[in-house]
Amino acid sequence: MIVQGRAWKYGDNLGATDIVSADYDKLGMSHDWDGCAKHLLENVDPEFLQKLVPGDIIVAGSRLGTGHAHYYTSAIMACKYAGIAALFCESVNALFQRAAIDQGYPIWPLPGIGDFVNDGDRLRIDLASGEAQNETTGESRRFQPVPQLVRDILAAGNALDWALARVA
C-alpha cells in the first residue's frame, strides 16, 4: 500500500478535539462525517480547508490523538471524508491509532518524520516496505513497515468488512 500526497505539518499534542473541535460533538454523535469534515483543524489552522486537496497528508509531531476517546471517531472520519490520505506522526496514542485502523484509516508513527518534511512537500510512503520518500527534496528514510494484518484491514475499508470477508 502506497500513500502519496502533499504534506501539511503540525506540531506535538495534536488531539482529536484539535482535529475536530468538541463544539461539533453533535455532528459526530449523529455520524455526520461530512459536517465534521467542514470543521477540520479550524482552531489550529483556520485556512486548512482552503489549502486542502484530496490526497493530502497530515504530518504531526509527538502524541498525536491525545484527549478523550469519545472524540476519536469524529476526528478520524472527518479526515477520511475530507480526503486526507493518511496521518503520519512522531508518535501516536495507541487507542486513537487502533480506532483509525478499525475505521480503515491509516494513522501510523514514522519516528523522525518531522525532520524530513516541510509544509507542501510531496511524500510517497510505502507502508509495506517501510520506505518514505520526500519527492520534493529527494530525501528517503526507512521506518518499520506496517504489519500485513493492518494493511489488510486498511485495504478492506475497515475492520468489520475485513472480518466479514474472512468468514465468508
Protein backbone atom coordinates (compact mmCIF):
# COMPACT_ATOMS: atom_id res chain seq x y z
CA MET A 1 0.00 0.00 0.00
CA ILE A 2 1.45 3.32 -1.10
CA VAL A 3 0.32 6.71 0.20
CA GLN A 4 1.24 9.74 -1.90
CA GLY A 5 0.33 13.36 -1.38
CA ARG A 6 1.26 16.82 -0.27
CA ALA A 7 2.15 17.19 3.42
CA TRP A 8 0.76 19.62 5.96
CA LYS A 9 2.89 19.68 9.08
CA TYR A 10 1.63 20.29 12.62
CA GLY A 11 3.33 20.05 15.99
CA ASP A 12 3.13 17.93 19.10
CA ASN A 13 -0.03 17.07 21.04
CA LEU A 14 -2.44 17.34 18.12
CA GLY A 15 -5.51 15.90 19.81
CA ALA A 16 -8.79 14.61 18.48
CA THR A 17 -10.51 17.84 19.52
CA ASP A 18 -7.85 19.84 17.67
CA ILE A 19 -8.72 17.91 14.52
CA VAL A 20 -12.48 18.47 15.04
CA SER A 21 -13.48 20.71 17.93
CA ALA A 22 -15.70 19.32 20.68
CA ASP A 23 -18.04 22.18 19.70
CA TYR A 24 -19.19 19.88 16.88
CA ASP A 25 -19.81 16.82 19.03
CA LYS A 26 -23.46 16.75 17.93
CA LEU A 27 -22.30 16.22 14.32
CA GLY A 28 -20.10 13.33 15.38
CA MET A 29 -22.76 11.75 17.54
CA SER A 30 -25.16 11.79 14.57
CA HIS A 31 -22.44 10.36 12.29
CA ASP A 32 -22.48 13.46 10.08
CA TRP A 33 -18.92 12.90 8.87
CA ASP A 34 -19.24 15.45 6.04
CA GLY A 35 -20.32 18.00 8.63
CA CYS A 36 -17.33 17.13 10.82
CA ALA A 37 -15.02 17.42 7.80
CA LYS A 38 -16.12 21.04 7.29
CA HIS A 39 -14.50 21.91 10.64
CA LEU A 40 -11.12 20.18 10.26
CA LEU A 41 -8.35 21.88 12.20
CA GLU A 42 -10.30 25.16 12.26
CA ASN A 43 -8.90 26.17 15.67
CA VAL A 44 -5.34 25.11 14.76
CA ASP A 45 -5.13 26.30 11.14
CA PRO A 46 -8.20 28.32 10.08
CA GLU A 47 -7.14 28.24 6.40
CA PHE A 48 -6.58 24.49 6.29
CA LEU A 49 -9.69 23.64 4.29
CA GLN A 50 -8.84 26.26 1.66
CA LYS A 51 -5.40 24.64 1.21
CA LEU A 52 -6.57 21.02 1.34
CA VAL A 53 -6.60 18.93 -1.81
CA PRO A 54 -7.94 15.36 -1.60
CA GLY A 55 -4.97 13.04 -1.18
CA ASP A 56 -3.04 15.42 1.09
CA ILE A 57 -1.29 14.02 4.16
CA ILE A 58 -1.15 15.41 7.69
CA VAL A 59 2.19 15.09 9.46
CA ALA A 60 2.10 15.62 13.23
CA GLY A 61 4.65 15.60 15.99
CA SER A 62 4.60 13.51 19.14
CA ARG A 63 1.49 12.33 20.96
CA LEU A 64 -0.98 12.52 18.07
CA GLY A 65 -4.53 11.70 19.17
CA THR A 66 -4.41 12.91 22.74
CA GLY A 67 -7.66 13.51 24.56
CA HIS A 68 -10.81 11.61 25.35
CA ALA A 69 -11.70 8.57 23.24
CA HIS A 70 -15.25 9.89 22.82
CA TYR A 71 -13.95 12.28 20.14
CA TYR A 72 -11.72 9.86 18.20
CA THR A 73 -14.22 8.68 15.62
CA SER A 74 -15.31 12.21 14.69
CA ALA A 75 -11.69 13.24 14.09
CA ILE A 76 -10.83 10.10 12.13
CA MET A 77 -13.93 10.07 9.96
CA ALA A 78 -13.69 13.81 9.28
CA CYS A 79 -10.18 13.26 7.90
CA LYS A 80 -11.36 10.28 5.87
CA TYR A 81 -14.38 12.11 4.43
CA ALA A 82 -12.31 15.22 3.64
CA GLY A 83 -9.99 13.08 1.52
CA ILE A 84 -6.89 13.26 3.69
CA ALA A 85 -4.89 10.21 2.60
CA ALA A 86 -3.28 9.49 5.98
CA LEU A 87 -1.90 10.94 9.18
CA PHE A 88 1.74 10.25 9.98
CA CYS A 89 3.46 11.36 13.16
CA GLU A 90 6.39 11.00 15.50
CA SER A 91 4.23 9.06 17.99
CA VAL A 92 0.53 8.31 18.41
CA ASN A 93 -1.90 7.47 21.19
CA ALA A 94 -2.41 3.72 20.74
CA LEU A 95 -6.19 3.86 21.24
CA PHE A 96 -6.53 6.63 18.65
CA GLN A 97 -4.44 4.61 16.20
CA ARG A 98 -6.50 1.47 16.85
CA ALA A 99 -9.74 3.38 16.31
CA ALA A 100 -8.39 4.68 12.99
CA ILE A 101 -7.34 1.23 11.80
CA ASP A 102 -10.75 -0.15 12.78
CA GLN A 103 -12.27 2.54 10.54
CA GLY A 104 -9.90 1.61 7.71
CA TYR A 105 -7.91 4.81 8.02
CA PRO A 106 -4.09 4.93 8.08
CA ILE A 107 -2.58 6.66 11.09
CA TRP A 108 0.95 5.49 11.69
CA PRO A 109 4.04 6.66 13.60
CA LEU A 110 7.14 7.30 11.50
CA PRO A 111 9.77 8.43 14.01
CA GLY A 112 11.87 11.22 12.51
CA ILE A 113 9.25 12.34 10.00
CA GLY A 114 9.16 15.84 11.47
CA ASP A 115 12.79 16.43 10.44
CA PHE A 116 12.10 15.01 6.99
CA VAL A 117 9.05 17.03 5.89
CA ASN A 118 8.01 20.65 5.46
CA ASP A 119 4.61 22.10 4.58
CA GLY A 120 3.80 21.49 0.95
CA ASP A 121 6.39 18.75 0.37
CA ARG A 122 5.20 15.82 -1.74
CA LEU A 123 5.54 12.48 0.03
CA ARG A 124 5.47 8.90 -1.16
CA ILE A 125 5.25 6.37 1.63
CA ASP A 126 5.24 2.63 1.02
CA LEU A 127 3.59 1.09 4.08
CA ALA A 128 4.62 -2.45 3.08
CA SER A 129 8.33 -1.86 2.51
CA GLY A 130 8.81 0.85 5.12
CA GLU A 131 10.25 3.42 2.73
CA ALA A 132 9.32 7.08 2.87
CA GLN A 133 10.44 9.44 0.13
CA ASN A 134 10.18 13.19 0.17
CA GLU A 135 9.70 13.75 -3.56
CA THR A 136 10.28 17.50 -3.12
CA THR A 137 13.74 17.18 -1.58
CA GLY A 138 14.67 13.74 -2.92
CA GLU A 139 15.47 12.51 0.59
CA SER A 140 14.45 8.98 1.64
CA ARG A 141 14.00 7.37 5.04
CA ARG A 142 13.26 3.86 6.29
CA PHE A 143 10.79 3.04 9.00
CA GLN A 144 9.16 -0.03 10.49
CA PRO A 145 6.84 -1.49 7.82
CA VAL A 146 3.14 -1.62 8.65
CA PRO A 147 2.17 -5.23 9.50
CA GLN A 148 0.30 -7.21 6.86
CA LEU A 149 -2.77 -7.57 9.08
CA VAL A 150 -3.11 -3.80 9.40
CA ARG A 151 -2.60 -3.32 5.65
CA ASP A 152 -5.28 -5.95 5.02
CA ILE A 153 -7.77 -4.10 7.25
CA LEU A 154 -6.97 -0.81 5.51
CA ALA A 155 -7.38 -2.43 2.10
CA ALA A 156 -10.75 -3.91 3.13
CA GLY A 157 -12.03 -0.46 4.10
CA ASN A 158 -12.50 -1.17 7.81
CA ALA A 159 -12.14 -3.93 10.39
CA LEU A 160 -15.74 -5.12 10.07
CA ASP A 161 -15.52 -5.61 6.32
CA TRP A 162 -12.15 -7.35 6.74
CA ALA A 163 -13.62 -9.73 9.33
CA LEU A 164 -16.73 -10.46 7.26
CA ALA A 165 -14.60 -11.25 4.21
CA ARG A 166 -12.54 -13.72 6.27
CA VAL A 167 -15.58 -15.68 7.42
CA ALA A 168 -17.43 -15.57 4.10
